[in-house]
């Protein structure tokens, strides 16, 4: 399935880059981060978006889930890091 959602128009007219993707420990959830500053959650089985974490206006370079899938850490381009509690 093709998943789309990180939408920022670049000067050349192309869409925003997806910077990182990570699967949940059980493989049913995919998390992506992008230049547009958002973190998106995807249902892998259904191929659809579940939710988007709020953007703080800074591109999100990477994301990682804890081994139990309860926490998400994100690293932004401004050098900051965020820790998120994930509800299933």
PDB file of N, CA and C in Angstrom:
ATOM      1  N   UNK A   1       0.839  -1.186   0.000  1.00  0.00           N
ATOM      2  CA  UNK A   1       0.000   0.000   0.000  1.00  0.00           C
ATOM      3  C   UNK A   1       0.874   1.235   0.000  1.00  0.00           C
ATOM      4  N   UNK A   2       0.438   2.241  -0.699  1.00  0.00           N
ATOM      5  CA  UNK A   2       1.145   3.517  -0.711  1.00  0.00           C
ATOM      6  C   UNK A   2       0.508   4.408   0.339  1.00  0.00           C
ATOM      7  N   UNK A   3       1.308   4.885   1.271  1.00  0.00           N
ATOM      8  CA  UNK A   3       0.826   5.752   2.336  1.00  0.00           C
ATOM      9  C   UNK A   3       1.321   7.164   2.059  1.00  0.00           C
ATOM     10  N   UNK A   4       0.420   8.119   2.029  1.00  0.00           N
ATOM     11  CA  UNK A   4       0.809   9.507   1.799  1.00  0.00           C
ATOM     12  C   UNK A   4       0.241  10.383   2.893  1.00  0.00           C
ATOM     13  N   UNK A   5       0.893  11.494   3.159  1.00  0.00           N
ATOM     14  CA  UNK A   5       0.388  12.374   4.194  1.00  0.00           C
ATOM     15  C   UNK A   5       1.304  13.511   4.577  1.00  0.00           C
ATOM     16  N   UNK A   6       2.604  13.331   4.461  1.00  0.00           N
ATOM     17  CA  UNK A   6       3.526  14.417   4.795  1.00  0.00           C
ATOM     18  C   UNK A   6       3.520  15.390   3.625  1.00  0.00           C
ATOM     19  N   UNK A   7       2.809  16.489   3.795  1.00  0.00           N
ATOM     20  CA  UNK A   7       2.568  17.399   2.679  1.00  0.00           C
ATOM     21  C   UNK A   7       3.142  18.788   2.932  1.00  0.00           C
ATOM     22  N   UNK A   8       4.228  19.084   2.298  1.00  0.00           N
ATOM     23  CA  UNK A   8       4.789  20.429   2.282  1.00  0.00           C
ATOM     24  C   UNK A   8       5.330  20.628   0.889  1.00  0.00           C
ATOM     25  N   UNK A   9       4.986  21.724   0.278  1.00  0.00           N
ATOM     26  CA  UNK A   9       5.463  21.989  -1.076  1.00  0.00           C
ATOM     27  C   UNK A   9       6.892  22.515  -1.014  1.00  0.00           C
ATOM     28  N   UNK A  10       7.765  21.857  -1.732  1.00  0.00           N
ATOM     29  CA  UNK A  10       9.151  22.275  -1.829  1.00  0.00           C
ATOM     30  C   UNK A  10       9.283  23.321  -2.943  1.00  0.00           C
ATOM     31  N   UNK A  11      10.369  24.091  -2.980  1.00  0.00           N
ATOM     32  CA  UNK A  11      10.532  25.108  -4.023  1.00  0.00           C
ATOM     33  C   UNK A  11      10.398  24.554  -5.447  1.00  0.00           C
ATOM     34  N   UNK A  12      10.771  23.301  -5.640  1.00  0.00           N
ATOM     35  CA  UNK A  12      10.666  22.720  -6.977  1.00  0.00           C
ATOM     36  C   UNK A  12       9.292  22.107  -7.253  1.00  0.00           C
ATOM     37  N   UNK A  13       8.347  22.260  -6.297  1.00  0.00           N
ATOM     38  CA  UNK A  13       6.998  21.749  -6.486  1.00  0.00           C
ATOM     39  C   UNK A  13       6.788  20.331  -5.999  1.00  0.00           C
ATOM     40  N   UNK A  14       7.833  19.682  -5.506  1.00  0.00           N
ATOM     41  CA  UNK A  14       7.703  18.309  -5.025  1.00  0.00           C
ATOM     42  C   UNK A  14       7.129  18.285  -3.609  1.00  0.00           C
ATOM     43  N   UNK A  15       6.723  17.097  -3.164  1.00  0.00           N
ATOM     44  CA  UNK A  15       6.177  16.938  -1.808  1.00  0.00           C
ATOM     45  C   UNK A  15       7.313  16.867  -0.795  1.00  0.00           C
ATOM     46  N   UNK A  16       6.941  16.984   0.476  1.00  0.00           N
ATOM     47  CA  UNK A  16       7.924  16.929   1.563  1.00  0.00           C
ATOM     48  C   UNK A  16       8.532  15.541   1.688  1.00  0.00           C
ATOM     49  N   UNK A  17       9.728  15.509   2.196  1.00  0.00           N
ATOM     50  CA  UNK A  17      10.403  14.245   2.444  1.00  0.00           C
ATOM     51  C   UNK A  17       9.856  13.556   3.684  1.00  0.00           C
ATOM     52  N   UNK A  18       9.789  12.260   3.605  1.00  0.00           N
ATOM     53  CA  UNK A  18       9.589  11.434   4.790  1.00  0.00           C
ATOM     54  C   UNK A  18      10.988  11.152   5.307  1.00  0.00           C
ATOM     55  N   UNK A  19      11.246  11.502   6.537  1.00  0.00           N
ATOM     56  CA  UNK A  19      12.590  11.380   7.085  1.00  0.00           C
ATOM     57  C   UNK A  19      12.867  10.022   7.713  1.00  0.00           C
ATOM     58  N   UNK A  20      11.867   9.416   8.348  1.00  0.00           N
ATOM     59  CA  UNK A  20      12.106   8.155   9.051  1.00  0.00           C
ATOM     60  C   UNK A  20      10.800   7.387   9.161  1.00  0.00           C
ATOM     61  N   UNK A  21      10.895   6.082   9.188  1.00  0.00           N
ATOM     62  CA  UNK A  21       9.744   5.210   9.446  1.00  0.00           C
ATOM     63  C   UNK A  21      10.187   4.107  10.393  1.00  0.00           C
ATOM     64  N   UNK A  22       9.263   3.662  11.242  1.00  0.00           N
ATOM     65  CA  UNK A  22       9.567   2.594  12.192  1.00  0.00           C
ATOM     66  C   UNK A  22       8.298   1.784  12.417  1.00  0.00           C
ATOM     67  N   UNK A  23       8.449   0.460  12.487  1.00  0.00           N
ATOM     68  CA  UNK A  23       7.342  -0.435  12.792  1.00  0.00           C
ATOM     69  C   UNK A  23       7.223  -0.625  14.298  1.00  0.00           C
ATOM     70  N   UNK A  24       5.996  -0.818  14.766  1.00  0.00           N
ATOM     71  CA  UNK A  24       5.770  -1.170  16.169  1.00  0.00           C
ATOM     72  C   UNK A  24       6.307  -2.578  16.401  1.00  0.00           C
ATOM     73  N   UNK A  25       6.518  -2.951  17.664  1.00  0.00           N
ATOM     74  CA  UNK A  25       7.061  -4.282  17.957  1.00  0.00           C
ATOM     75  C   UNK A  25       6.225  -5.434  17.387  1.00  0.00           C
ATOM     76  N   UNK A  26       4.930  -5.226  17.223  1.00  0.00           N
ATOM     77  CA  UNK A  26       4.072  -6.305  16.720  1.00  0.00           C
ATOM     78  C   UNK A  26       3.788  -6.172  15.233  1.00  0.00           C
ATOM     79  N   UNK A  27       4.281  -5.118  14.605  1.00  0.00           N
ATOM     80  CA  UNK A  27       4.203  -4.967  13.158  1.00  0.00           C
ATOM     81  C   UNK A  27       2.898  -4.470  12.586  1.00  0.00           C
ATOM     82  N   UNK A  28       1.934  -4.094  13.406  1.00  0.00           N
ATOM     83  CA  UNK A  28       0.644  -3.633  12.893  1.00  0.00           C
ATOM     84  C   UNK A  28       0.569  -2.121  12.765  1.00  0.00           C
ATOM     85  N   UNK A  29       1.537  -1.428  13.321  1.00  0.00           N
ATOM     86  CA  UNK A  29       1.548   0.020  13.331  1.00  0.00           C
ATOM     87  C   UNK A  29       2.856   0.501  12.714  1.00  0.00           C
ATOM     88  N   UNK A  30       2.770   1.519  11.883  1.00  0.00           N
ATOM     89  CA  UNK A  30       3.942   2.156  11.301  1.00  0.00           C
ATOM     90  C   UNK A  30       3.909   3.611  11.730  1.00  0.00           C
ATOM     91  N   UNK A  31       5.064   4.153  12.106  1.00  0.00           N
ATOM     92  CA  UNK A  31       5.166   5.558  12.488  1.00  0.00           C
ATOM     93  C   UNK A  31       6.147   6.222  11.526  1.00  0.00           C
ATOM     94  N   UNK A  32       5.758   7.392  11.005  1.00  0.00           N
ATOM     95  CA  UNK A  32       6.630   8.116  10.082  1.00  0.00           C
ATOM     96  C   UNK A  32       6.827   9.545  10.578  1.00  0.00           C
ATOM     97  N   UNK A  33       7.971  10.118  10.235  1.00  0.00           N
ATOM     98  CA  UNK A  33       8.250  11.518  10.558  1.00  0.00           C
ATOM     99  C   UNK A  33       8.645  12.229   9.275  1.00  0.00           C
ATOM    100  N   UNK A  34       8.449  13.554   9.262  1.00  0.00           N
ATOM    101  CA  UNK A  34       8.722  14.267   8.023  1.00  0.00           C
ATOM    102  C   UNK A  34       9.246  15.673   8.187  1.00  0.00           C
ATOM    103  N   UNK A  35       9.680  16.198   7.058  1.00  0.00           N
ATOM    104  CA  UNK A  35      10.152  17.574   6.963  1.00  0.00           C
ATOM    105  C   UNK A  35       9.060  18.556   7.357  1.00  0.00           C
ATOM    106  N   UNK A  36       7.791  18.151   7.165  1.00  0.00           N
ATOM    107  CA  UNK A  36       6.672  19.034   7.502  1.00  0.00           C
ATOM    108  C   UNK A  36       6.460  19.191   9.002  1.00  0.00           C
ATOM    109  N   UNK A  37       7.268  18.512   9.823  1.00  0.00           N
ATOM    110  CA  UNK A  37       7.190  18.647  11.273  1.00  0.00           C
ATOM    111  C   UNK A  37       6.178  17.739  11.939  1.00  0.00           C
ATOM    112  N   UNK A  38       5.580  16.829  11.187  1.00  0.00           N
ATOM    113  CA  UNK A  38       4.577  15.944  11.777  1.00  0.00           C
ATOM    114  C   UNK A  38       5.115  14.539  11.992  1.00  0.00           C
ATOM    115  N   UNK A  39       4.453  13.853  12.911  1.00  0.00           N
ATOM    116  CA  UNK A  39       4.664  12.425  13.149  1.00  0.00           C
ATOM    117  C   UNK A  39       3.311  11.782  12.894  1.00  0.00           C
ATOM    118  N   UNK A  40       3.301  10.772  12.033  1.00  0.00           N
ATOM    119  CA  UNK A  40       2.040  10.146  11.641  1.00  0.00           C
ATOM    120  C   UNK A  40       2.041   8.665  11.986  1.00  0.00           C
ATOM    121  N   UNK A  41       0.874   8.189  12.395  1.00  0.00           N
ATOM    122  CA  UNK A  41       0.672   6.781  12.739  1.00  0.00           C
ATOM    123  C   UNK A  41      -0.202   6.146  11.659  1.00  0.00           C
ATOM    124  N   UNK A  42       0.179   4.949  11.232  1.00  0.00           N
ATOM    125  CA  UNK A  42      -0.503   4.253  10.142  1.00  0.00           C
ATOM    126  C   UNK A  42      -0.884   2.842  10.568  1.00  0.00           C
ATOM    127  N   UNK A  43      -2.069   2.427  10.179  1.00  0.00           N
ATOM    128  CA  UNK A  43      -2.510   1.049  10.358  1.00  0.00           C
ATOM    129  C   UNK A  43      -1.980   0.262   9.163  1.00  0.00           C
ATOM    130  N   UNK A  44      -1.027  -0.620   9.395  1.00  0.00           N
ATOM    131  CA  UNK A  44      -0.378  -1.362   8.315  1.00  0.00           C
ATOM    132  C   UNK A  44      -1.358  -2.304   7.628  1.00  0.00           C
ATOM    133  N   UNK A  45      -2.193  -2.975   8.399  1.00  0.00           N
ATOM    134  CA  UNK A  45      -3.117  -3.953   7.833  1.00  0.00           C
ATOM    135  C   UNK A  45      -4.146  -3.308   6.912  1.00  0.00           C
ATOM    136  N   UNK A  46      -4.617  -2.115   7.279  1.00  0.00           N
ATOM    137  CA  UNK A  46      -5.637  -1.443   6.485  1.00  0.00           C
ATOM    138  C   UNK A  46      -5.062  -0.390   5.544  1.00  0.00           C
ATOM    139  N   UNK A  47      -3.788  -0.035   5.726  1.00  0.00           N
ATOM    140  CA  UNK A  47      -3.149   0.943   4.855  1.00  0.00           C
ATOM    141  C   UNK A  47      -3.727   2.341   4.991  1.00  0.00           C
ATOM    142  N   UNK A  48      -4.112   2.722   6.208  1.00  0.00           N
ATOM    143  CA  UNK A  48      -4.698   4.052   6.375  1.00  0.00           C
ATOM    144  C   UNK A  48      -4.097   4.783   7.565  1.00  0.00           C
ATOM    145  N   UNK A  49      -4.208   6.104   7.515  1.00  0.00           N
ATOM    146  CA  UNK A  49      -3.703   6.949   8.591  1.00  0.00           C
ATOM    147  C   UNK A  49      -4.596   6.830   9.808  1.00  0.00           C
ATOM    148  N   UNK A  50      -3.980   6.768  10.990  1.00  0.00           N
ATOM    149  CA  UNK A  50      -4.720   6.700  12.241  1.00  0.00           C
ATOM    150  C   UNK A  50      -4.771   8.050  12.945  1.00  0.00           C
ATOM    151  N   UNK A  51      -3.595   8.699  13.042  1.00  0.00           N
ATOM    152  CA  UNK A  51      -3.539  10.008  13.700  1.00  0.00           C
ATOM    153  C   UNK A  51      -2.222  10.698  13.385  1.00  0.00           C
ATOM    154  N   UNK A  52      -2.204  11.992  13.692  1.00  0.00           N
ATOM    155  CA  UNK A  52      -1.019  12.818  13.490  1.00  0.00           C
ATOM    156  C   UNK A  52      -0.730  13.567  14.774  1.00  0.00           C
ATOM    157  N   UNK A  53       0.513  13.507  15.237  1.00  0.00           N
ATOM    158  CA  UNK A  53       0.905  14.278  16.417  1.00  0.00           C
ATOM    159  C   UNK A  53       1.090  15.734  16.006  1.00  0.00           C
ATOM    160  N   UNK A  54       0.862  16.658  16.915  1.00  0.00           N
ATOM    161  CA  UNK A  54       0.952  18.078  16.566  1.00  0.00           C
ATOM    162  C   UNK A  54       2.352  18.467  16.103  1.00  0.00           C
ATOM    163  N   UNK A  55       2.387  19.356  15.131  1.00  0.00           N
ATOM    164  CA  UNK A  55       3.652  19.874  14.629  1.00  0.00           C
ATOM    165  C   UNK A  55       4.085  21.058  15.481  1.00  0.00           C
ATOM    166  N   UNK A  56       5.384  21.119  15.756  1.00  0.00           N
ATOM    167  CA  UNK A  56       5.941  22.258  16.477  1.00  0.00           C
ATOM    168  C   UNK A  56       6.706  23.178  15.532  1.00  0.00           C
ATOM    169  N   UNK A  57       6.481  23.007  14.229  1.00  0.00           N
ATOM    170  CA  UNK A  57       7.078  23.876  13.228  1.00  0.00           C
ATOM    171  C   UNK A  57       8.517  23.555  12.884  1.00  0.00           C
ATOM    172  N   UNK A  58       9.023  22.433  13.378  1.00  0.00           N
ATOM    173  CA  UNK A  58      10.403  22.034  13.127  1.00  0.00           C
ATOM    174  C   UNK A  58      10.386  20.649  12.484  1.00  0.00           C
ATOM    175  N   UNK A  59      11.146  20.431  11.412  1.00  0.00           N
ATOM    176  CA  UNK A  59      11.186  19.096  10.805  1.00  0.00           C
ATOM    177  C   UNK A  59      11.600  18.023  11.812  1.00  0.00           C
ATOM    178  N   UNK A  60      10.969  16.864  11.713  1.00  0.00           N
ATOM    179  CA  UNK A  60      11.276  15.734  12.588  1.00  0.00           C
ATOM    180  C   UNK A  60      12.169  14.773  11.814  1.00  0.00           C
ATOM    181  N   UNK A  61      13.411  14.635  12.264  1.00  0.00           N
ATOM    182  CA  UNK A  61      14.389  13.835  11.544  1.00  0.00           C
ATOM    183  C   UNK A  61      14.299  12.350  11.797  1.00  0.00           C
ATOM    184  N   UNK A  62      13.938  11.947  13.012  1.00  0.00           N
ATOM    185  CA  UNK A  62      13.884  10.513  13.295  1.00  0.00           C
ATOM    186  C   UNK A  62      12.907  10.215  14.415  1.00  0.00           C
ATOM    187  N   UNK A  63      12.433   8.971  14.394  1.00  0.00           N
ATOM    188  CA  UNK A  63      11.534   8.467  15.429  1.00  0.00           C
ATOM    189  C   UNK A  63      11.966   7.053  15.790  1.00  0.00           C
ATOM    190  N   UNK A  64      11.690   6.677  17.036  1.00  0.00           N
ATOM    191  CA  UNK A  64      11.970   5.314  17.488  1.00  0.00           C
ATOM    192  C   UNK A  64      10.929   4.942  18.541  1.00  0.00           C
ATOM    193  N   UNK A  65      10.465   3.707  18.473  1.00  0.00           N
ATOM    194  CA  UNK A  65       9.509   3.192  19.455  1.00  0.00           C
ATOM    195  C   UNK A  65      10.252   2.357  20.490  1.00  0.00           C
ATOM    196  N   UNK A  66       9.769   2.395  21.724  1.00  0.00           N
ATOM    197  CA  UNK A  66      10.340   1.538  22.765  1.00  0.00           C
ATOM    198  C   UNK A  66      10.025   0.082  22.432  1.00  0.00           C
ATOM    199  N   UNK A  67      10.754  -0.838  23.020  1.00  0.00           N
ATOM    200  CA  UNK A  67      10.597  -2.259  22.694  1.00  0.00           C
ATOM    201  C   UNK A  67       9.213  -2.799  23.031  1.00  0.00           C
ATOM    202  N   UNK A  68       8.512  -2.146  23.972  1.00  0.00           N
ATOM    203  CA  UNK A  68       7.149  -2.579  24.291  1.00  0.00           C
ATOM    204  C   UNK A  68       6.093  -1.775  23.537  1.00  0.00           C
ATOM    205  N   UNK A  69       6.510  -0.812  22.709  1.00  0.00           N
ATOM    206  CA  UNK A  69       5.595  -0.017  21.911  1.00  0.00           C
ATOM    207  C   UNK A  69       4.812   1.022  22.682  1.00  0.00           C
ATOM    208  N   UNK A  70       5.172   1.284  23.928  1.00  0.00           N
ATOM    209  CA  UNK A  70       4.425   2.231  24.762  1.00  0.00           C
ATOM    210  C   UNK A  70       4.921   3.668  24.653  1.00  0.00           C
ATOM    211  N   UNK A  71       6.148   3.857  24.173  1.00  0.00           N
ATOM    212  CA  UNK A  71       6.723   5.192  24.086  1.00  0.00           C
ATOM    213  C   UNK A  71       7.337   5.419  22.716  1.00  0.00           C
ATOM    214  N   UNK A  72       7.294   6.670  22.302  1.00  0.00           N
ATOM    215  CA  UNK A  72       7.902   7.095  21.050  1.00  0.00           C
ATOM    216  C   UNK A  72       8.837   8.246  21.373  1.00  0.00           C
ATOM    217  N   UNK A  73      10.040   8.192  20.854  1.00  0.00           N
ATOM    218  CA  UNK A  73      10.969   9.314  20.977  1.00  0.00           C
ATOM    219  C   UNK A  73      11.151   9.906  19.590  1.00  0.00           C
ATOM    220  N   UNK A  74      11.182  11.236  19.520  1.00  0.00           N
ATOM    221  CA  UNK A  74      11.403  11.915  18.244  1.00  0.00           C
ATOM    222  C   UNK A  74      12.562  12.889  18.396  1.00  0.00           C
ATOM    223  N   UNK A  75      13.304  13.060  17.306  1.00  0.00           N
ATOM    224  CA  UNK A  75      14.423  14.005  17.281  1.00  0.00           C
ATOM    225  C   UNK A  75      14.146  15.026  16.176  1.00  0.00           C
ATOM    226  N   UNK A  76      14.155  16.306  16.564  1.00  0.00           N
ATOM    227  CA  UNK A  76      13.859  17.376  15.626  1.00  0.00           C
ATOM    228  C   UNK A  76      15.145  18.015  15.111  1.00  0.00           C
ATOM    229  N   UNK A  77      15.022  18.704  13.990  1.00  0.00           N
ATOM    230  CA  UNK A  77      16.177  19.336  13.357  1.00  0.00           C
ATOM    231  C   UNK A  77      16.780  20.466  14.178  1.00  0.00           C
ATOM    232  N   UNK A  78      16.039  21.005  15.135  1.00  0.00           N
ATOM    233  CA  UNK A  78      16.592  22.080  15.963  1.00  0.00           C
ATOM    234  C   UNK A  78      17.409  21.551  17.137  1.00  0.00           C
ATOM    235  N   UNK A  79      17.595  20.219  17.196  1.00  0.00           N
ATOM    236  CA  UNK A  79      18.388  19.602  18.259  1.00  0.00           C
ATOM    237  C   UNK A  79      17.571  19.156  19.451  1.00  0.00           C
ATOM    238  N   UNK A  80      16.261  19.378  19.431  1.00  0.00           N
ATOM    239  CA  UNK A  80      15.423  18.961  20.555  1.00  0.00           C
ATOM    240  C   UNK A  80      14.934  17.530  20.367  1.00  0.00           C
ATOM    241  N   UNK A  81      14.546  16.933  21.476  1.00  0.00           N
ATOM    242  CA  UNK A  81      14.000  15.578  21.495  1.00  0.00           C
ATOM    243  C   UNK A  81      12.691  15.625  22.252  1.00  0.00           C
ATOM    244  N   UNK A  82      11.774  14.751  21.879  1.00  0.00           N
ATOM    245  CA  UNK A  82      10.494  14.660  22.583  1.00  0.00           C
ATOM    246  C   UNK A  82      10.224  13.200  22.900  1.00  0.00           C
ATOM    247  N   UNK A  83       9.566  12.976  24.019  1.00  0.00           N
ATOM    248  CA  UNK A  83       9.139  11.640  24.409  1.00  0.00           C
ATOM    249  C   UNK A  83       7.622  11.657  24.499  1.00  0.00           C
ATOM    250  N   UNK A  84       6.998  10.710  23.801  1.00  0.00           N
ATOM    251  CA  UNK A  84       5.550  10.637  23.719  1.00  0.00           C
ATOM    252  C   UNK A  84       5.077   9.321  24.335  1.00  0.00           C
ATOM    253  N   UNK A  85       3.989   9.362  25.101  1.00  0.00           N
ATOM    254  CA  UNK A  85       3.324   8.147  25.555  1.00  0.00           C
ATOM    255  C   UNK A  85       2.330   7.719  24.481  1.00  0.00           C
ATOM    256  N   UNK A  86       2.365   6.451  24.103  1.00  0.00           N
ATOM    257  CA  UNK A  86       1.515   5.950  23.020  1.00  0.00           C
ATOM    258  C   UNK A  86       0.411   5.098  23.603  1.00  0.00           C
ATOM    259  N   UNK A  87      -0.827   5.389  23.226  1.00  0.00           N
ATOM    260  CA  UNK A  87      -1.967   4.579  23.622  1.00  0.00           C
ATOM    261  C   UNK A  87      -2.354   3.693  22.457  1.00  0.00           C
ATOM    262  N   UNK A  88      -2.666   2.444  22.741  1.00  0.00           N
ATOM    263  CA  UNK A  88      -3.070   1.523  21.675  1.00  0.00           C
ATOM    264  C   UNK A  88      -4.552   1.332  21.715  1.00  0.00           C
TER     265      UNK A  88
END
